[in-house]
Amino acid sequence: MNPKNHWENIYLNNPPEKLGWYSPSLRTSLEWIRSLEMNRDARIIDVGGGASFLVDDLIRLGYSSVSVLDISENALSLARERLGEKAEQVTWMVRDVTRADLPLQGYELWHDRAVFHFLTREDEQKKYLDNLNTSLVPGGYLIIAVFAPEAPPKCSGLPVQRYAAEDLVKVIGQDFELIRHQKELHVTPGGVEQMYLYCLFRKLQ
């Protein structure tokens, strides 16, 4: 299965509010971002942001250097249309994060809700982590949300890798320090319960 075709079709054939990961506000992500007290010009990338409302909230809070990366052009088009003129304040990237050419130490915060857990092969995970390591500045932050062990084994018809906090710490690697973590129950528009694990890491070097 071609991943890009899969996600383009998902967003082409379904309204965003009917998709399993839909949430009108990523409250945990926003709470954690605000707690970091970064400058409003801090460089933030939302990996797999798609049609998420996180970018809307970041702009509303005054963050002026936000990038949104997603494999699906259809997903990003939905977000751009929703934002209207404000979309010009955002850098939009139609790319696969495992193949994207990202700027060296280009970001102070890397946010990912529900991308990494779709990477079930070790080679995919390594490419993702290589990009994370090279594009995040020393002292920068990673906020990542993945399926917890209690979550279903699939999402959107694809298998996912589920993680306990200690498992994710090992995968992310020794260059990152775990600052906080928590579980959060997400209920899809169709009523399916999905337990997420949210983790906040700081890059040590």
N, C-alpha and C. Protein backbone atom coordinates (compact mmCIF):
# COMPACT_ATOMS: atom_id res chain seq x y z
N MET A 1 0.84 -1.19 0.00
CA MET A 1 0.00 0.00 0.00
C MET A 1 0.88 1.25 0.00
N ASN A 2 0.59 2.16 -0.89
CA ASN A 2 1.32 3.43 -0.94
C ASN A 2 0.78 4.35 0.15
N PRO A 3 1.62 4.73 1.12
CA PRO A 3 1.13 5.55 2.23
C PRO A 3 0.51 6.87 1.78
N LYS A 4 1.13 7.52 0.81
CA LYS A 4 0.58 8.80 0.37
C LYS A 4 -0.81 8.63 -0.22
N ASN A 5 -0.98 7.64 -1.07
CA ASN A 5 -2.31 7.40 -1.66
C ASN A 5 -3.34 7.09 -0.59
N HIS A 6 -2.92 6.31 0.41
CA HIS A 6 -3.85 5.95 1.49
C HIS A 6 -4.38 7.21 2.18
N TRP A 7 -3.48 8.12 2.57
CA TRP A 7 -3.89 9.29 3.32
C TRP A 7 -4.59 10.33 2.46
N GLU A 8 -4.19 10.42 1.19
CA GLU A 8 -4.90 11.35 0.30
C GLU A 8 -6.36 10.90 0.15
N ASN A 9 -6.56 9.59 0.01
CA ASN A 9 -7.93 9.07 -0.13
C ASN A 9 -8.74 9.24 1.14
N ILE A 10 -8.09 9.07 2.28
CA ILE A 10 -8.78 9.25 3.57
C ILE A 10 -9.36 10.65 3.66
N TYR A 11 -8.53 11.65 3.35
CA TYR A 11 -8.99 13.04 3.48
C TYR A 11 -9.88 13.48 2.33
N LEU A 12 -9.75 12.82 1.20
CA LEU A 12 -10.60 13.16 0.06
C LEU A 12 -12.02 12.66 0.26
N ASN A 13 -12.16 11.52 0.91
CA ASN A 13 -13.46 10.85 0.99
C ASN A 13 -14.17 10.97 2.34
N ASN A 14 -13.53 11.68 3.29
CA ASN A 14 -14.14 11.80 4.63
C ASN A 14 -13.98 13.22 5.15
N PRO A 15 -15.04 13.81 5.69
CA PRO A 15 -14.89 15.11 6.34
C PRO A 15 -14.02 14.95 7.58
N PRO A 16 -13.20 15.96 7.89
CA PRO A 16 -12.27 15.83 9.03
C PRO A 16 -12.94 15.45 10.34
N GLU A 17 -14.15 15.98 10.57
CA GLU A 17 -14.81 15.72 11.86
C GLU A 17 -15.30 14.28 11.99
N LYS A 18 -15.19 13.49 10.94
CA LYS A 18 -15.58 12.08 11.01
C LYS A 18 -14.38 11.15 11.15
N LEU A 19 -13.18 11.71 11.08
CA LEU A 19 -11.98 10.87 11.15
C LEU A 19 -11.67 10.50 12.60
N GLY A 20 -11.06 9.33 12.77
CA GLY A 20 -10.88 8.77 14.11
C GLY A 20 -10.08 9.63 15.05
N TRP A 21 -9.11 10.39 14.53
CA TRP A 21 -8.24 11.19 15.40
C TRP A 21 -8.74 12.62 15.59
N TYR A 22 -9.93 12.90 15.05
CA TYR A 22 -10.46 14.27 15.11
C TYR A 22 -10.62 14.75 16.55
N SER A 23 -10.18 15.98 16.79
CA SER A 23 -10.42 16.66 18.06
C SER A 23 -10.48 18.15 17.77
N PRO A 24 -11.49 18.85 18.28
CA PRO A 24 -11.60 20.29 18.01
C PRO A 24 -10.51 21.10 18.69
N SER A 25 -9.83 20.51 19.66
CA SER A 25 -8.72 21.19 20.33
C SER A 25 -7.82 20.16 20.97
N LEU A 26 -6.50 20.28 20.72
CA LEU A 26 -5.53 19.38 21.35
C LEU A 26 -5.11 20.03 22.67
N ARG A 27 -5.96 19.87 23.66
CA ARG A 27 -5.78 20.61 24.91
C ARG A 27 -4.50 20.24 25.64
N THR A 28 -4.16 18.96 25.67
CA THR A 28 -2.93 18.55 26.35
C THR A 28 -1.71 19.14 25.65
N SER A 29 -1.68 19.06 24.34
CA SER A 29 -0.56 19.63 23.59
C SER A 29 -0.43 21.13 23.86
N LEU A 30 -1.54 21.83 23.82
CA LEU A 30 -1.52 23.28 24.04
C LEU A 30 -1.07 23.61 25.46
N GLU A 31 -1.57 22.87 26.43
CA GLU A 31 -1.19 23.10 27.82
C GLU A 31 0.31 22.92 28.00
N TRP A 32 0.84 21.86 27.40
CA TRP A 32 2.27 21.59 27.54
C TRP A 32 3.11 22.63 26.82
N ILE A 33 2.68 23.02 25.62
CA ILE A 33 3.42 24.04 24.87
C ILE A 33 3.46 25.35 25.66
N ARG A 34 2.34 25.74 26.20
CA ARG A 34 2.30 26.98 26.97
C ARG A 34 3.17 26.89 28.21
N SER A 35 3.25 25.70 28.81
CA SER A 35 4.04 25.52 30.03
C SER A 35 5.54 25.67 29.76
N LEU A 36 5.95 25.50 28.52
CA LEU A 36 7.37 25.62 28.17
C LEU A 36 7.83 27.07 28.15
N GLU A 37 6.87 28.00 28.05
CA GLU A 37 7.15 29.44 28.07
C GLU A 37 8.21 29.82 27.03
N MET A 38 8.07 29.28 25.84
CA MET A 38 8.97 29.63 24.74
C MET A 38 8.61 31.01 24.21
N ASN A 39 9.57 31.65 23.57
CA ASN A 39 9.29 32.90 22.90
C ASN A 39 8.26 32.67 21.81
N ARG A 40 7.48 33.70 21.51
CA ARG A 40 6.43 33.54 20.50
C ARG A 40 6.98 33.38 19.08
N ASP A 41 8.28 33.66 18.90
CA ASP A 41 8.89 33.42 17.60
C ASP A 41 9.66 32.09 17.56
N ALA A 42 9.46 31.26 18.58
CA ALA A 42 10.09 29.94 18.59
C ALA A 42 9.63 29.13 17.38
N ARG A 43 10.57 28.41 16.78
CA ARG A 43 10.27 27.65 15.56
C ARG A 43 9.64 26.30 15.94
N ILE A 44 8.40 26.11 15.52
CA ILE A 44 7.61 24.93 15.88
C ILE A 44 7.24 24.17 14.61
N ILE A 45 7.38 22.85 14.64
CA ILE A 45 6.89 22.03 13.54
C ILE A 45 5.87 21.03 14.08
N ASP A 46 4.72 20.97 13.42
CA ASP A 46 3.68 20.00 13.75
C ASP A 46 3.73 18.91 12.69
N VAL A 47 4.30 17.77 13.06
CA VAL A 47 4.51 16.67 12.12
C VAL A 47 3.22 15.85 12.02
N GLY A 48 2.74 15.67 10.80
CA GLY A 48 1.48 14.98 10.60
C GLY A 48 0.31 15.83 11.04
N GLY A 49 0.49 17.15 10.97
CA GLY A 49 -0.56 18.07 11.44
C GLY A 49 -1.85 17.96 10.66
N GLY A 50 -1.75 17.63 9.38
CA GLY A 50 -2.95 17.44 8.56
C GLY A 50 -3.95 18.56 8.69
N ALA A 51 -5.18 18.19 9.00
CA ALA A 51 -6.26 19.16 9.16
C ALA A 51 -6.48 19.51 10.63
N SER A 52 -5.50 19.21 11.48
CA SER A 52 -5.61 19.46 12.91
C SER A 52 -5.81 20.94 13.20
N PHE A 53 -6.47 21.22 14.33
CA PHE A 53 -6.72 22.60 14.76
C PHE A 53 -5.58 23.16 15.61
N LEU A 54 -4.51 22.40 15.81
CA LEU A 54 -3.41 22.90 16.63
C LEU A 54 -2.82 24.17 16.02
N VAL A 55 -2.67 24.20 14.71
CA VAL A 55 -2.08 25.37 14.06
C VAL A 55 -2.94 26.61 14.29
N ASP A 56 -4.27 26.46 14.26
CA ASP A 56 -5.17 27.58 14.53
C ASP A 56 -4.90 28.16 15.92
N ASP A 57 -4.78 27.25 16.90
CA ASP A 57 -4.59 27.69 18.28
C ASP A 57 -3.22 28.33 18.48
N LEU A 58 -2.20 27.79 17.81
CA LEU A 58 -0.86 28.37 17.94
C LEU A 58 -0.83 29.80 17.37
N ILE A 59 -1.48 30.00 16.23
CA ILE A 59 -1.55 31.34 15.66
C ILE A 59 -2.33 32.27 16.58
N ARG A 60 -3.42 31.76 17.13
CA ARG A 60 -4.23 32.57 18.05
C ARG A 60 -3.41 33.01 19.26
N LEU A 61 -2.51 32.15 19.72
CA LEU A 61 -1.69 32.47 20.88
C LEU A 61 -0.49 33.34 20.53
N GLY A 62 -0.30 33.61 19.24
CA GLY A 62 0.74 34.54 18.85
C GLY A 62 2.04 33.92 18.37
N TYR A 63 2.09 32.60 18.22
CA TYR A 63 3.31 31.97 17.70
C TYR A 63 3.45 32.30 16.21
N SER A 64 4.62 32.80 15.84
CA SER A 64 4.78 33.38 14.51
C SER A 64 5.65 32.57 13.56
N SER A 65 6.19 31.42 14.03
CA SER A 65 7.06 30.62 13.18
C SER A 65 6.64 29.15 13.25
N VAL A 66 5.48 28.88 12.68
CA VAL A 66 4.88 27.54 12.76
C VAL A 66 4.94 26.87 11.39
N SER A 67 5.39 25.63 11.37
CA SER A 67 5.39 24.80 10.16
C SER A 67 4.50 23.59 10.39
N VAL A 68 3.76 23.20 9.36
CA VAL A 68 2.92 22.00 9.43
C VAL A 68 3.33 21.07 8.31
N LEU A 69 3.70 19.86 8.66
CA LEU A 69 4.14 18.85 7.69
C LEU A 69 3.13 17.72 7.67
N ASP A 70 2.75 17.31 6.47
CA ASP A 70 1.87 16.15 6.34
C ASP A 70 2.09 15.52 4.98
N ILE A 71 1.90 14.22 4.91
CA ILE A 71 2.06 13.49 3.65
C ILE A 71 0.93 13.78 2.68
N SER A 72 -0.19 14.29 3.21
CA SER A 72 -1.40 14.49 2.39
C SER A 72 -1.62 15.94 2.03
N GLU A 73 -1.60 16.23 0.74
CA GLU A 73 -1.94 17.57 0.25
C GLU A 73 -3.39 17.89 0.56
N ASN A 74 -4.26 16.90 0.46
CA ASN A 74 -5.68 17.13 0.75
C ASN A 74 -5.89 17.57 2.19
N ALA A 75 -5.15 16.97 3.11
CA ALA A 75 -5.28 17.34 4.52
C ALA A 75 -4.84 18.78 4.76
N LEU A 76 -3.70 19.15 4.20
CA LEU A 76 -3.19 20.50 4.40
C LEU A 76 -4.08 21.54 3.71
N SER A 77 -4.67 21.15 2.60
CA SER A 77 -5.58 22.08 1.90
C SER A 77 -6.77 22.42 2.78
N LEU A 78 -7.27 21.44 3.51
CA LEU A 78 -8.40 21.69 4.42
C LEU A 78 -8.02 22.70 5.50
N ALA A 79 -6.82 22.56 6.05
CA ALA A 79 -6.37 23.48 7.08
C ALA A 79 -6.15 24.87 6.51
N ARG A 80 -5.56 24.95 5.33
CA ARG A 80 -5.31 26.27 4.71
C ARG A 80 -6.61 26.99 4.42
N GLU A 81 -7.58 26.26 3.90
CA GLU A 81 -8.87 26.88 3.58
C GLU A 81 -9.56 27.36 4.85
N ARG A 82 -9.45 26.60 5.91
CA ARG A 82 -10.08 26.97 7.17
C ARG A 82 -9.46 28.24 7.75
N LEU A 83 -8.16 28.38 7.61
CA LEU A 83 -7.46 29.52 8.17
C LEU A 83 -7.61 30.79 7.33
N GLY A 84 -7.90 30.62 6.06
CA GLY A 84 -8.04 31.79 5.20
C GLY A 84 -6.74 32.58 5.09
N GLU A 85 -6.81 33.89 5.28
CA GLU A 85 -5.62 34.74 5.15
C GLU A 85 -4.54 34.38 6.17
N LYS A 86 -4.94 33.87 7.31
CA LYS A 86 -3.97 33.50 8.34
C LYS A 86 -3.05 32.36 7.89
N ALA A 87 -3.47 31.60 6.88
CA ALA A 87 -2.65 30.50 6.38
C ALA A 87 -1.31 30.98 5.85
N GLU A 88 -1.25 32.26 5.45
CA GLU A 88 -0.01 32.81 4.93
C GLU A 88 1.06 32.93 6.02
N GLN A 89 0.65 32.86 7.28
CA GLN A 89 1.59 32.94 8.39
C GLN A 89 2.28 31.61 8.67
N VAL A 90 1.85 30.55 7.98
CA VAL A 90 2.31 29.18 8.26
C VAL A 90 3.14 28.66 7.09
N THR A 91 4.17 27.87 7.40
CA THR A 91 4.92 27.15 6.38
C THR A 91 4.31 25.76 6.23
N TRP A 92 3.80 25.47 5.03
CA TRP A 92 3.13 24.20 4.76
C TRP A 92 4.06 23.28 3.97
N MET A 93 4.19 22.03 4.40
CA MET A 93 5.10 21.09 3.75
C MET A 93 4.37 19.78 3.46
N VAL A 94 4.20 19.48 2.19
CA VAL A 94 3.61 18.20 1.78
C VAL A 94 4.76 17.21 1.63
N ARG A 95 5.03 16.47 2.69
CA ARG A 95 6.18 15.57 2.70
C ARG A 95 5.91 14.37 3.60
N ASP A 96 6.62 13.30 3.31
CA ASP A 96 6.67 12.12 4.18
C ASP A 96 7.80 12.39 5.18
N VAL A 97 7.50 12.39 6.45
CA VAL A 97 8.50 12.76 7.46
C VAL A 97 9.70 11.83 7.44
N THR A 98 9.54 10.60 6.96
CA THR A 98 10.67 9.68 6.91
C THR A 98 11.58 9.95 5.72
N ARG A 99 11.14 10.81 4.81
CA ARG A 99 11.95 11.14 3.63
C ARG A 99 12.20 12.63 3.46
N ALA A 100 11.61 13.42 4.33
CA ALA A 100 11.68 14.88 4.20
C ALA A 100 13.10 15.39 4.45
N ASP A 101 13.48 16.41 3.70
CA ASP A 101 14.74 17.10 3.90
C ASP A 101 14.45 18.32 4.76
N LEU A 102 14.68 18.20 6.05
CA LEU A 102 14.36 19.26 6.99
C LEU A 102 15.61 20.05 7.36
N PRO A 103 15.44 21.33 7.73
CA PRO A 103 16.61 22.17 8.02
C PRO A 103 17.36 21.70 9.26
N LEU A 104 18.70 21.79 9.19
CA LEU A 104 19.54 21.42 10.31
C LEU A 104 19.26 22.35 11.49
N GLN A 105 18.94 21.75 12.65
CA GLN A 105 18.60 22.50 13.86
C GLN A 105 17.59 23.61 13.54
N GLY A 106 16.59 23.24 12.78
CA GLY A 106 15.62 24.22 12.31
C GLY A 106 14.46 24.49 13.25
N TYR A 107 14.32 23.66 14.31
CA TYR A 107 13.13 23.78 15.16
C TYR A 107 13.48 23.69 16.64
N GLU A 108 12.69 24.41 17.43
CA GLU A 108 12.83 24.36 18.88
C GLU A 108 11.76 23.48 19.54
N LEU A 109 10.73 23.15 18.77
CA LEU A 109 9.69 22.24 19.26
C LEU A 109 9.21 21.38 18.10
N TRP A 110 9.20 20.08 18.34
CA TRP A 110 8.68 19.09 17.37
C TRP A 110 7.44 18.48 18.02
N HIS A 111 6.29 18.64 17.37
CA HIS A 111 5.04 18.09 17.88
C HIS A 111 4.54 17.00 16.95
N ASP A 112 4.14 15.88 17.52
CA ASP A 112 3.63 14.76 16.72
C ASP A 112 2.52 14.07 17.50
N ARG A 113 1.31 14.22 17.02
CA ARG A 113 0.20 13.45 17.58
C ARG A 113 -0.26 12.46 16.51
N ALA A 114 0.06 11.18 16.75
CA ALA A 114 -0.47 10.08 15.94
C ALA A 114 0.19 9.91 14.58
N VAL A 115 1.51 10.16 14.50
CA VAL A 115 2.25 9.78 13.29
C VAL A 115 3.20 8.63 13.61
N PHE A 116 4.01 8.81 14.65
CA PHE A 116 5.08 7.84 14.92
C PHE A 116 4.54 6.43 15.11
N HIS A 117 3.36 6.30 15.70
CA HIS A 117 2.88 4.93 15.96
C HIS A 117 2.48 4.18 14.69
N PHE A 118 2.35 4.90 13.56
CA PHE A 118 2.09 4.22 12.29
C PHE A 118 3.37 3.63 11.68
N LEU A 119 4.51 4.01 12.20
CA LEU A 119 5.79 3.51 11.68
C LEU A 119 6.13 2.22 12.42
N THR A 120 5.74 1.12 11.86
CA THR A 120 5.88 -0.17 12.54
C THR A 120 7.17 -0.89 12.17
N ARG A 121 7.87 -0.42 11.14
CA ARG A 121 9.13 -1.04 10.74
C ARG A 121 10.31 -0.27 11.33
N GLU A 122 11.35 -1.00 11.67
CA GLU A 122 12.52 -0.37 12.29
C GLU A 122 13.18 0.64 11.37
N ASP A 123 13.22 0.37 10.08
CA ASP A 123 13.88 1.30 9.15
C ASP A 123 13.09 2.61 9.06
N GLU A 124 11.76 2.55 9.12
CA GLU A 124 10.94 3.76 9.10
C GLU A 124 11.17 4.57 10.37
N GLN A 125 11.20 3.88 11.49
CA GLN A 125 11.42 4.56 12.77
C GLN A 125 12.79 5.25 12.78
N LYS A 126 13.80 4.59 12.23
CA LYS A 126 15.14 5.17 12.22
C LYS A 126 15.18 6.45 11.38
N LYS A 127 14.53 6.43 10.23
CA LYS A 127 14.52 7.62 9.37
C LYS A 127 13.80 8.78 10.07
N TYR A 128 12.71 8.47 10.73
CA TYR A 128 11.98 9.49 11.49
C TYR A 128 12.89 10.08 12.57
N LEU A 129 13.52 9.20 13.34
CA LEU A 129 14.35 9.65 14.45
C LEU A 129 15.59 10.40 13.97
N ASP A 130 16.13 10.01 12.83
CA ASP A 130 17.26 10.75 12.26
C ASP A 130 16.85 12.19 11.95
N ASN A 131 15.67 12.35 11.35
CA ASN A 131 15.18 13.69 11.04
C ASN A 131 14.91 14.49 12.32
N LEU A 132 14.33 13.83 13.30
CA LEU A 132 14.07 14.49 14.59
C LEU A 132 15.38 14.98 15.20
N ASN A 133 16.37 14.13 15.23
CA ASN A 133 17.64 14.47 15.88
C ASN A 133 18.39 15.59 15.17
N THR A 134 18.36 15.59 13.86
CA THR A 134 19.13 16.60 13.13
C THR A 134 18.42 17.94 13.04
N SER A 135 17.09 17.94 13.09
CA SER A 135 16.36 19.19 12.88
C SER A 135 15.93 19.88 14.18
N LEU A 136 16.06 19.19 15.33
CA LEU A 136 15.70 19.80 16.60
C LEU A 136 16.96 20.34 17.28
N VAL A 137 16.89 21.57 17.75
CA VAL A 137 18.06 22.19 18.38
C VAL A 137 18.37 21.52 19.71
N PRO A 138 19.63 21.53 20.17
CA PRO A 138 19.94 21.08 21.53
C PRO A 138 19.14 21.91 22.53
N GLY A 139 18.53 21.24 23.48
CA GLY A 139 17.66 21.92 24.42
C GLY A 139 16.23 22.07 23.94
N GLY A 140 15.99 21.64 22.70
CA GLY A 140 14.64 21.72 22.14
C GLY A 140 13.74 20.65 22.72
N TYR A 141 12.46 20.76 22.40
CA TYR A 141 11.45 19.88 23.00
C TYR A 141 10.74 19.02 21.96
N LEU A 142 10.36 17.83 22.39
CA LEU A 142 9.55 16.90 21.61
C LEU A 142 8.29 16.59 22.40
N ILE A 143 7.15 16.88 21.80
CA ILE A 143 5.87 16.44 22.34
C ILE A 143 5.33 15.39 21.38
N ILE A 144 5.13 14.18 21.88
CA ILE A 144 4.73 13.08 21.02
C ILE A 144 3.59 12.31 21.68
N ALA A 145 2.58 11.98 20.89
CA ALA A 145 1.43 11.21 21.37
C ALA A 145 1.26 9.98 20.49
N VAL A 146 1.27 8.83 21.12
CA VAL A 146 1.16 7.55 20.41
C VAL A 146 0.10 6.69 21.10
N PHE A 147 -0.29 5.62 20.44
CA PHE A 147 -1.22 4.68 21.06
C PHE A 147 -0.54 3.98 22.23
N ALA A 148 -1.24 3.95 23.36
CA ALA A 148 -0.79 3.21 24.54
C ALA A 148 -1.12 1.72 24.36
N PRO A 149 -0.58 0.85 25.23
CA PRO A 149 -0.84 -0.59 25.09
C PRO A 149 -2.32 -0.96 25.09
N GLU A 150 -3.16 -0.16 25.76
CA GLU A 150 -4.59 -0.47 25.85
C GLU A 150 -5.35 -0.12 24.57
N ALA A 151 -4.73 0.63 23.67
CA ALA A 151 -5.41 1.10 22.46
C ALA A 151 -5.59 -0.04 21.46
N PRO A 152 -6.49 0.14 20.49
CA PRO A 152 -6.66 -0.88 19.45
C PRO A 152 -5.37 -1.09 18.65
N PRO A 153 -5.20 -2.26 18.04
CA PRO A 153 -3.97 -2.54 17.29
C PRO A 153 -3.94 -1.91 15.91
N LYS A 154 -5.05 -1.30 15.50
CA LYS A 154 -5.10 -0.66 14.18
C LYS A 154 -5.79 0.70 14.29
N CYS A 155 -5.48 1.55 13.32
CA CYS A 155 -6.15 2.84 13.20
C CYS A 155 -6.23 3.18 11.73
N SER A 156 -7.39 3.63 11.29
CA SER A 156 -7.60 3.97 9.89
C SER A 156 -7.24 2.81 8.96
N GLY A 157 -7.47 1.59 9.42
CA GLY A 157 -7.21 0.41 8.60
C GLY A 157 -5.76 -0.02 8.57
N LEU A 158 -4.88 0.67 9.30
CA LEU A 158 -3.45 0.35 9.29
C LEU A 158 -3.01 -0.14 10.68
N PRO A 159 -2.04 -1.06 10.72
CA PRO A 159 -1.51 -1.49 12.02
C PRO A 159 -0.71 -0.36 12.66
N VAL A 160 -0.71 -0.33 13.98
CA VAL A 160 0.07 0.66 14.71
C VAL A 160 0.96 -0.04 15.74
N GLN A 161 2.02 0.66 16.11
CA GLN A 161 2.90 0.19 17.19
C GLN A 161 2.46 0.88 18.47
N ARG A 162 2.12 0.11 19.49
CA ARG A 162 1.67 0.69 20.75
C ARG A 162 2.83 0.74 21.75
N TYR A 163 2.81 1.76 22.61
CA TYR A 163 3.95 2.01 23.48
C TYR A 163 3.54 2.26 24.92
N ALA A 164 4.27 1.67 25.85
CA ALA A 164 4.30 2.13 27.23
C ALA A 164 5.38 3.20 27.31
N ALA A 165 5.36 4.01 28.35
CA ALA A 165 6.31 5.11 28.46
C ALA A 165 7.75 4.62 28.40
N GLU A 166 8.06 3.55 29.11
CA GLU A 166 9.43 3.05 29.13
C GLU A 166 9.87 2.54 27.76
N ASP A 167 8.93 2.02 26.99
CA ASP A 167 9.25 1.56 25.64
C ASP A 167 9.60 2.74 24.74
N LEU A 168 8.82 3.80 24.85
CA LEU A 168 9.05 4.97 24.01
C LEU A 168 10.37 5.64 24.38
N VAL A 169 10.70 5.67 25.65
CA VAL A 169 11.98 6.24 26.09
C VAL A 169 13.14 5.51 25.42
N LYS A 170 13.08 4.20 25.37
CA LYS A 170 14.15 3.42 24.74
C LYS A 170 14.24 3.72 23.25
N VAL A 171 13.10 3.83 22.59
CA VAL A 171 13.09 4.06 21.15
C VAL A 171 13.58 5.46 20.80
N ILE A 172 13.13 6.47 21.54
CA ILE A 172 13.53 7.85 21.27
C ILE A 172 15.03 8.03 21.46
N GLY A 173 15.59 7.36 22.44
CA GLY A 173 17.04 7.33 22.57
C GLY A 173 17.60 8.16 23.71
N GLN A 174 18.87 7.94 23.99
CA GLN A 174 19.52 8.52 25.16
C GLN A 174 19.82 10.00 25.03
N ASP A 175 19.69 10.55 23.84
CA ASP A 175 19.91 11.99 23.67
C ASP A 175 18.71 12.81 24.11
N PHE A 176 17.65 12.14 24.57
CA PHE A 176 16.44 12.83 25.01
C PHE A 176 16.12 12.45 26.45
N GLU A 177 15.68 13.45 27.21
CA GLU A 177 15.26 13.26 28.59
C GLU A 177 13.74 13.36 28.68
N LEU A 178 13.11 12.36 29.29
CA LEU A 178 11.67 12.40 29.50
C LEU A 178 11.35 13.33 30.66
N ILE A 179 10.54 14.34 30.38
CA ILE A 179 10.17 15.33 31.40
C ILE A 179 8.85 14.97 32.07
N ARG A 180 7.87 14.60 31.26
CA ARG A 180 6.57 14.23 31.82
C ARG A 180 5.85 13.33 30.83
N HIS A 181 4.89 12.59 31.35
CA HIS A 181 4.06 11.75 30.48
C HIS A 181 2.73 11.51 31.15
N GLN A 182 1.73 11.25 30.34
CA GLN A 182 0.41 10.93 30.86
C GLN A 182 -0.39 10.21 29.79
N LYS A 183 -1.40 9.49 30.23
CA LYS A 183 -2.31 8.85 29.30
C LYS A 183 -3.55 9.71 29.14
N GLU A 184 -4.14 9.62 27.97
CA GLU A 184 -5.36 10.39 27.69
C GLU A 184 -6.29 9.56 26.82
N LEU A 185 -7.50 9.39 27.27
CA LEU A 185 -8.48 8.62 26.51
C LEU A 185 -9.11 9.50 25.45
N HIS A 186 -9.00 9.06 24.20
CA HIS A 186 -9.65 9.74 23.08
C HIS A 186 -10.78 8.84 22.58
N VAL A 187 -11.94 9.42 22.40
CA VAL A 187 -13.08 8.68 21.85
C VAL A 187 -13.34 9.21 20.44
N THR A 188 -13.28 8.33 19.46
CA THR A 188 -13.45 8.74 18.08
C THR A 188 -14.89 9.18 17.82
N PRO A 189 -15.11 9.92 16.71
CA PRO A 189 -16.49 10.29 16.36
C PRO A 189 -17.41 9.08 16.24
N GLY A 190 -16.83 7.91 15.94
CA GLY A 190 -17.63 6.69 15.85
C GLY A 190 -17.81 5.96 17.17
N GLY A 191 -17.25 6.52 18.25
CA GLY A 191 -17.43 5.93 19.58
C GLY A 191 -16.38 4.93 20.01
N VAL A 192 -15.30 4.80 19.25
CA VAL A 192 -14.23 3.86 19.59
C VAL A 192 -13.28 4.51 20.59
N GLU A 193 -12.95 3.80 21.66
CA GLU A 193 -12.04 4.33 22.67
C GLU A 193 -10.59 4.03 22.26
N GLN A 194 -9.76 5.08 22.30
CA GLN A 194 -8.34 4.95 21.97
C GLN A 194 -7.53 5.61 23.09
N MET A 195 -6.74 4.82 23.78
CA MET A 195 -5.90 5.37 24.84
C MET A 195 -4.58 5.84 24.25
N TYR A 196 -4.32 7.13 24.42
CA TYR A 196 -3.06 7.72 23.95
C TYR A 196 -2.07 7.84 25.10
N LEU A 197 -0.79 7.76 24.76
CA LEU A 197 0.29 8.09 25.66
C LEU A 197 0.93 9.38 25.16
N TYR A 198 0.89 10.42 25.99
CA TYR A 198 1.55 11.69 25.68
C TYR A 198 2.87 11.75 26.44
N CYS A 199 3.94 12.14 25.74
CA CYS A 199 5.25 12.30 26.37
C CYS A 199 5.87 13.62 25.96
N LEU A 200 6.52 14.27 26.92
CA LEU A 200 7.29 15.47 26.66
C LEU A 200 8.76 15.16 26.93
N PHE A 201 9.59 15.33 25.91
CA PHE A 201 11.03 15.08 26.01
C PHE A 201 11.78 16.39 25.79
N ARG A 202 12.97 16.47 26.35
CA ARG A 202 13.90 17.56 26.05
C ARG A 202 15.16 16.95 25.45
N LYS A 203 15.62 17.56 24.35
CA LYS A 203 16.84 17.09 23.71
C LYS A 203 18.05 17.58 24.47
N LEU A 204 18.93 16.66 24.84
CA LEU A 204 20.07 17.00 25.69
C LEU A 204 21.24 17.57 24.91
N GLN A 205 21.43 17.14 23.67
CA GLN A 205 22.58 17.60 22.89
C GLN A 205 22.30 17.52 21.41
